Every structure is written in C-alpha cells, then in structure tokens.
C-alpha cells in the first residue's frame, strides 16, 4: 500500500505549511507536516479513527481529524490510499470538500 497525495491535498499541505511557518515558525511547521504524514501512514493499520464521508459529497471515502484539520481520503482502484484533501476545522467542510474532490 502506498499513500498518494492528490492535487488538492498537495495544495492544502503547502497552505498549511506556510500558515504554520508564518504564525509559529519553521520548526513547528515541519513538525506539523511530519505529523500529518505519520497519520497518513497509520490509515492502513486503522491507527486513525476514520469515519465515512457523508454521502452528499458524491465521493466514497473517509475522513479523520488530525489536530485542527480534517483529512479526507479514499481507497484508490489499485488499493493505495489517496489523500483527497486536508481542511481546517474552521472551514465549511462540505463546501470546501466539493471544491477539492476528485473530478
């Protein structure tokens, strides 16, 4: 199993890094991104408590909370884990998810 960071998630990771770096410094930004990737790796062993994405999103998949963010992921056709997007807890989740979901 491999972790595949999809385009929207990659853009969100960049935003998260920049925002964290600008507010709390580069060391904290590195730690937070490293922790996110460690959480991605725990998906396969059910080391994160994922729940199904609501049906109205139009995408079959799951999400879990990591600190102040929600990570949305799905199982790809080859069995890999696709990280769809990562949204801050203050964002309107379904609206942002619809913007970021795979087409």
Protein backbone atom coordinates (compact mmCIF):
# COMPACT_ATOMS: atom_id res chain seq x y z
CA UNK A 1 0.00 0.00 0.00
CA UNK A 2 1.22 3.45 -0.91
CA UNK A 3 -0.01 6.88 0.06
CA UNK A 4 -0.91 9.07 -2.93
CA UNK A 5 -1.26 12.78 -2.26
CA UNK A 6 -3.80 14.08 -4.73
CA UNK A 7 -3.53 17.56 -6.26
CA UNK A 8 -5.94 19.39 -3.92
CA UNK A 9 -4.30 17.80 -0.87
CA UNK A 10 -0.86 18.85 -2.10
CA UNK A 11 -2.03 22.46 -2.41
CA UNK A 12 -3.59 22.31 1.06
CA UNK A 13 -0.36 20.89 2.55
CA UNK A 14 1.53 23.86 1.08
CA UNK A 15 -1.02 26.27 2.61
CA UNK A 16 -0.82 24.54 5.99
CA UNK A 17 2.98 24.69 5.97
CA UNK A 18 3.07 28.39 5.02
CA UNK A 19 0.41 29.41 7.55
CA UNK A 20 2.03 27.44 10.37
CA UNK A 21 5.52 28.75 9.50
CA UNK A 22 4.30 32.35 9.37
CA UNK A 23 2.49 32.10 12.73
CA UNK A 24 4.66 29.70 14.77
CA UNK A 25 7.94 29.29 12.91
CA UNK A 26 9.59 26.83 10.54
CA UNK A 27 10.32 24.21 13.21
CA UNK A 28 6.65 23.97 14.20
CA UNK A 29 5.59 23.87 10.53
CA UNK A 30 7.98 20.97 9.87
CA UNK A 31 6.70 19.08 12.93
CA UNK A 32 3.07 19.55 11.94
CA UNK A 33 3.59 18.39 8.34
CA UNK A 34 5.68 15.44 9.55
CA UNK A 35 2.89 14.52 12.00
CA UNK A 36 0.32 14.70 9.19
CA UNK A 37 2.36 12.31 7.04
CA UNK A 38 2.73 9.96 10.00
CA UNK A 39 -1.07 10.00 10.38
CA UNK A 40 -1.43 9.16 6.66
CA UNK A 41 0.79 6.12 7.20
CA UNK A 42 -1.43 4.92 10.07
CA UNK A 43 -4.53 4.72 7.85
CA UNK A 44 -3.81 1.19 6.63
CA UNK A 45 -3.46 -0.27 10.12
CA UNK A 46 -6.58 1.55 11.34
CA UNK A 47 -4.34 3.65 13.57
CA UNK A 48 -6.57 6.66 12.96
CA UNK A 49 -10.29 6.72 13.68
CA UNK A 50 -11.76 7.33 10.24
CA UNK A 51 -15.42 7.76 9.51
CA UNK A 52 -17.23 7.62 6.15
CA UNK A 53 -17.51 10.84 4.16
CA UNK A 54 -21.16 11.94 4.06
CA UNK A 55 -22.99 10.56 1.00
CA UNK A 56 -23.95 14.05 -0.21
CA UNK A 57 -20.30 14.71 -1.07
CA UNK A 58 -20.56 12.39 -4.06
CA UNK A 59 -17.28 10.63 -3.23
CA UNK A 60 -16.87 7.34 -1.44
CA UNK A 61 -14.19 7.69 1.17
CA UNK A 62 -13.33 8.50 4.74
CA UNK A 63 -12.11 11.31 6.96
CA UNK A 64 -10.36 11.69 10.29
CA UNK A 65 -9.36 14.58 12.49
CA UNK A 66 -5.70 15.47 12.99
CA UNK A 67 -5.21 18.33 15.46
CA UNK A 68 -7.01 21.29 13.80
CA UNK A 69 -7.56 19.64 10.41
CA UNK A 70 -9.75 17.00 8.83
CA UNK A 71 -8.02 14.61 6.41
CA UNK A 72 -10.22 13.24 3.62
CA UNK A 73 -9.04 10.05 1.94
CA UNK A 74 -10.27 7.22 -0.26
CA UNK A 75 -9.12 3.84 -1.39
CA UNK A 76 -7.85 4.01 -4.99
CA UNK A 77 -8.62 1.32 -7.57
CA UNK A 78 -5.14 -0.19 -7.15
CA UNK A 79 -5.56 -0.44 -3.35
CA UNK A 80 -3.43 2.58 -2.49
CA UNK A 81 -4.68 5.32 -0.18
CA UNK A 82 -5.45 8.61 -1.92
CA UNK A 83 -5.33 11.69 0.30
CA UNK A 84 -8.07 13.81 -1.29
CA UNK A 85 -7.76 17.00 0.74
CA UNK A 86 -6.97 18.41 4.19
CA UNK A 87 -9.31 21.07 5.58
CA UNK A 88 -9.01 23.28 8.64
CA UNK A 89 -11.66 22.75 11.32
CA UNK A 90 -12.95 26.31 10.81
CA UNK A 91 -13.66 25.78 7.11
CA UNK A 92 -17.13 24.80 5.98
CA UNK A 93 -16.21 21.17 5.36
CA UNK A 94 -18.68 20.08 2.68
CA UNK A 95 -18.38 23.26 0.58
CA UNK A 96 -14.58 23.08 0.60
CA UNK A 97 -14.58 19.34 0.06
CA UNK A 98 -16.77 19.75 -3.03
CA UNK A 99 -14.22 22.27 -4.37
CA UNK A 100 -11.32 19.89 -3.75
CA UNK A 101 -12.86 16.50 -4.56
CA UNK A 102 -11.53 14.49 -7.48
CA UNK A 103 -13.38 15.04 -10.73
